[in-house]
Structure formats: structure tokens, C-alpha cells
Protein backbone atom coordinates (compact mmCIF):
# COMPACT_ATOMS: atom_id res chain seq x y z
CA UNK A 1 51.05 314.00 230.98
CA UNK A 2 52.43 315.44 234.18
CA UNK A 3 52.80 313.44 237.33
CA UNK A 4 52.42 315.09 240.73
CA UNK A 5 55.88 313.99 241.83
CA UNK A 6 57.58 315.10 238.62
CA UNK A 7 59.13 318.54 238.11
CA UNK A 8 59.03 318.75 234.30
CA UNK A 9 61.16 321.90 234.15
CA UNK A 10 63.96 320.27 236.15
CA UNK A 11 63.78 317.12 234.04
CA UNK A 12 64.05 319.19 230.86
CA UNK A 13 67.10 321.01 232.24
CA UNK A 14 68.67 317.69 233.28
CA UNK A 15 68.06 316.19 229.84
CA UNK A 16 69.55 319.22 228.10
CA UNK A 17 72.64 319.05 230.31
CA UNK A 18 72.97 315.32 229.64
CA UNK A 19 72.72 315.85 225.88
CA UNK A 20 75.35 318.59 226.00
CA UNK A 21 77.80 316.42 227.97
CA UNK A 22 77.24 313.32 225.85
CA UNK A 23 77.57 315.32 222.65
CA UNK A 24 81.12 316.17 223.72
CA UNK A 25 81.92 312.44 223.76
CA UNK A 26 80.96 312.13 220.10
CA UNK A 27 82.39 315.34 218.66
CA UNK A 28 84.20 315.30 215.31
CA UNK A 29 87.64 315.56 216.90
CA UNK A 30 87.08 312.31 218.83
CA UNK A 31 85.71 310.57 215.74
CA UNK A 32 88.72 311.69 213.68
CA UNK A 33 91.13 310.50 216.38
CA UNK A 34 89.44 307.09 216.53
CA UNK A 35 89.66 306.80 212.76
CA UNK A 36 93.32 307.90 212.58
CA UNK A 37 94.41 305.39 215.25
CA UNK A 38 92.64 302.53 213.49
CA UNK A 39 90.09 302.05 216.25
CA UNK A 40 87.35 302.82 213.72
CA UNK A 41 87.80 300.92 210.47
CA UNK A 42 84.72 302.02 208.54
CA UNK A 43 82.22 304.84 208.56
CA UNK A 44 78.61 304.20 209.48
CA UNK A 45 75.51 306.25 208.71
CA UNK A 46 74.37 305.56 212.26
CA UNK A 47 76.73 307.59 214.44
CA UNK A 48 77.23 306.96 218.13
CA UNK A 49 75.37 310.14 219.05
CA UNK A 50 72.46 309.31 216.73
CA UNK A 51 72.28 305.77 218.14
CA UNK A 52 72.23 307.10 221.70
CA UNK A 53 69.58 309.69 220.82
CA UNK A 54 67.30 307.18 219.15
CA UNK A 55 67.44 304.58 221.89
CA UNK A 56 67.46 307.02 224.81
CA UNK A 57 64.98 309.67 223.76
CA UNK A 58 63.19 308.04 220.80
CA UNK A 59 63.99 311.07 218.64
């Protein structure tokens, strides 16, 4: 459903840019570094990126 004040194309571009930037925060290199420093003690099936995706975009 489109709203008259909503530019759907711009919103889609903004969401795609957001996802790209946030994905960089949860890349494998970061996860490995967190694990090697002891910051992360155990592995979870629900990753940070998956958690964010579910609760932000209901994917």
C-alpha cells in the first residue's frame, strides 16, 4: 500500500544501503575476532545479523 507522502523507490534504496552497511558490522572477520579475543564465548544459531533482520524487517 503506497502512501502519497512516501517515495517507495527511495525507501527501498535507503533500506538496501542500510542492510549493506550493517552487514559489514557482522561480517565473518568481526565474528572471528570477537571469538578469538574471548568476547564471544559460545556460538549461537541466531547471529547478530539474523536477529537484526528479523526484528527490523520481519524477514
